[in-house]
């Protein structure tokens, strides 16, 4: 993704949704990547005792020129 930089990453789906809403509302284009942190562990050893709320990593990327504005909006969305 040439010209795109990571603006935010989280394991919390609620925060991820708040950030996406803030960027959508302001018209900032973004790309997202979602990574399953358990990988092949599910098949080998199962997930007993694993808190599934923390098994996914969410990444949001914005154009480099939008990074400062995006970070401001992200902070405002998450911390008021």
C-alpha atoms as a PDB file:
ATOM      1  CA  UNK A   1       0.000   0.000   0.000  1.00  0.00           C
ATOM      2  CA  UNK A   2       2.254   2.705  -1.306  1.00  0.00           C
ATOM      3  CA  UNK A   3       1.610   6.079   0.307  1.00  0.00           C
ATOM      4  CA  UNK A   4      -0.459   4.642   3.146  1.00  0.00           C
ATOM      5  CA  UNK A   5       0.650   4.650   6.799  1.00  0.00           C
ATOM      6  CA  UNK A   6      -0.700   2.962   9.893  1.00  0.00           C
ATOM      7  CA  UNK A   7      -2.818   5.437  11.823  1.00  0.00           C
ATOM      8  CA  UNK A   8      -4.241   3.159  14.486  1.00  0.00           C
ATOM      9  CA  UNK A   9      -4.208  -0.398  15.768  1.00  0.00           C
ATOM     10  CA  UNK A  10      -6.278  -2.034  18.487  1.00  0.00           C
ATOM     11  CA  UNK A  11      -7.603  -5.324  19.783  1.00  0.00           C
ATOM     12  CA  UNK A  12     -10.895  -3.758  20.898  1.00  0.00           C
ATOM     13  CA  UNK A  13     -13.723  -4.018  18.381  1.00  0.00           C
ATOM     14  CA  UNK A  14     -15.614  -1.094  19.958  1.00  0.00           C
ATOM     15  CA  UNK A  15     -12.630   1.241  19.554  1.00  0.00           C
ATOM     16  CA  UNK A  16     -12.134   0.010  16.002  1.00  0.00           C
ATOM     17  CA  UNK A  17     -15.773   0.871  15.205  1.00  0.00           C
ATOM     18  CA  UNK A  18     -15.463   4.337  16.790  1.00  0.00           C
ATOM     19  CA  UNK A  19     -12.346   5.106  14.749  1.00  0.00           C
ATOM     20  CA  UNK A  20     -13.934   3.950  11.501  1.00  0.00           C
ATOM     21  CA  UNK A  21     -17.018   6.079  12.197  1.00  0.00           C
ATOM     22  CA  UNK A  22     -14.890   9.160  12.915  1.00  0.00           C
ATOM     23  CA  UNK A  23     -12.923   8.731   9.692  1.00  0.00           C
ATOM     24  CA  UNK A  24     -16.071   8.052   7.654  1.00  0.00           C
ATOM     25  CA  UNK A  25     -17.812  11.118   9.058  1.00  0.00           C
ATOM     26  CA  UNK A  26     -14.847  13.365   8.254  1.00  0.00           C
ATOM     27  CA  UNK A  27     -14.392  11.953   4.762  1.00  0.00           C
ATOM     28  CA  UNK A  28     -10.890  10.583   5.340  1.00  0.00           C
ATOM     29  CA  UNK A  29     -10.244   7.545   3.159  1.00  0.00           C
ATOM     30  CA  UNK A  30      -8.782   4.560   4.931  1.00  0.00           C
ATOM     31  CA  UNK A  31      -7.886   0.921   4.462  1.00  0.00           C
ATOM     32  CA  UNK A  32      -8.199  -1.694   7.135  1.00  0.00           C
ATOM     33  CA  UNK A  33      -6.546  -4.984   7.903  1.00  0.00           C
ATOM     34  CA  UNK A  34      -7.836  -7.553  10.357  1.00  0.00           C
ATOM     35  CA  UNK A  35      -5.498 -10.204  11.692  1.00  0.00           C
ATOM     36  CA  UNK A  36      -6.474 -13.321  13.627  1.00  0.00           C
ATOM     37  CA  UNK A  37      -3.886 -13.462  16.415  1.00  0.00           C
ATOM     38  CA  UNK A  38      -4.501 -17.130  17.151  1.00  0.00           C
ATOM     39  CA  UNK A  39      -3.438 -18.294  13.706  1.00  0.00           C
ATOM     40  CA  UNK A  40      -3.128 -22.064  13.558  1.00  0.00           C
ATOM     41  CA  UNK A  41      -3.338 -22.414  17.329  1.00  0.00           C
ATOM     42  CA  UNK A  42      -7.053 -23.243  17.092  1.00  0.00           C
ATOM     43  CA  UNK A  43      -6.349 -26.435  15.187  1.00  0.00           C
ATOM     44  CA  UNK A  44      -3.365 -27.584  17.223  1.00  0.00           C
ATOM     45  CA  UNK A  45      -4.313 -26.924  20.808  1.00  0.00           C
ATOM     46  CA  UNK A  46      -7.792 -25.424  20.788  1.00  0.00           C
ATOM     47  CA  UNK A  47      -8.824 -22.203  22.450  1.00  0.00           C
ATOM     48  CA  UNK A  48      -9.797 -23.347  25.928  1.00  0.00           C
ATOM     49  CA  UNK A  49      -8.831 -20.599  28.386  1.00  0.00           C
ATOM     50  CA  UNK A  50      -8.216 -18.007  25.659  1.00  0.00           C
ATOM     51  CA  UNK A  51     -10.173 -14.785  25.932  1.00  0.00           C
ATOM     52  CA  UNK A  52     -11.619 -14.486  22.435  1.00  0.00           C
ATOM     53  CA  UNK A  53     -12.242 -10.752  22.947  1.00  0.00           C
ATOM     54  CA  UNK A  54      -8.503 -10.279  22.469  1.00  0.00           C
ATOM     55  CA  UNK A  55      -7.890 -12.685  19.594  1.00  0.00           C
ATOM     56  CA  UNK A  56      -8.170 -10.196  16.726  1.00  0.00           C
ATOM     57  CA  UNK A  57      -5.911  -7.255  15.852  1.00  0.00           C
ATOM     58  CA  UNK A  58      -7.445  -4.375  13.861  1.00  0.00           C
ATOM     59  CA  UNK A  59      -5.278  -2.028  11.785  1.00  0.00           C
ATOM     60  CA  UNK A  60      -6.329   1.207  10.089  1.00  0.00           C
ATOM     61  CA  UNK A  61      -4.203   2.877   7.424  1.00  0.00           C
ATOM     62  CA  UNK A  62      -4.621   6.367   5.961  1.00  0.00           C
ATOM     63  CA  UNK A  63      -2.828   8.341   3.286  1.00  0.00           C
ATOM     64  CA  UNK A  64       0.351   9.890   4.653  1.00  0.00           C
ATOM     65  CA  UNK A  65      -0.981  13.402   3.960  1.00  0.00           C
ATOM     66  CA  UNK A  66      -4.059  12.664   6.136  1.00  0.00           C
ATOM     67  CA  UNK A  67      -2.183  11.131   9.065  1.00  0.00           C
ATOM     68  CA  UNK A  68      -2.081  14.177  11.367  1.00  0.00           C
ATOM     69  CA  UNK A  69      -5.767  14.968  10.891  1.00  0.00           C
ATOM     70  CA  UNK A  70      -6.705  11.290  11.255  1.00  0.00           C
ATOM     71  CA  UNK A  71      -4.785  10.958  14.520  1.00  0.00           C
ATOM     72  CA  UNK A  72      -6.520  14.055  15.877  1.00  0.00           C
ATOM     73  CA  UNK A  73      -9.935  12.632  14.957  1.00  0.00           C
ATOM     74  CA  UNK A  74      -9.050   9.227  16.374  1.00  0.00           C
ATOM     75  CA  UNK A  75      -8.029  10.756  19.699  1.00  0.00           C
ATOM     76  CA  UNK A  76     -11.207  12.816  19.800  1.00  0.00           C
ATOM     77  CA  UNK A  77     -13.362   9.761  19.001  1.00  0.00           C
ATOM     78  CA  UNK A  78     -11.760   7.627  21.687  1.00  0.00           C
ATOM     79  CA  UNK A  79     -11.137  10.153  24.460  1.00  0.00           C
ATOM     80  CA  UNK A  80     -13.671  12.893  23.843  1.00  0.00           C
END
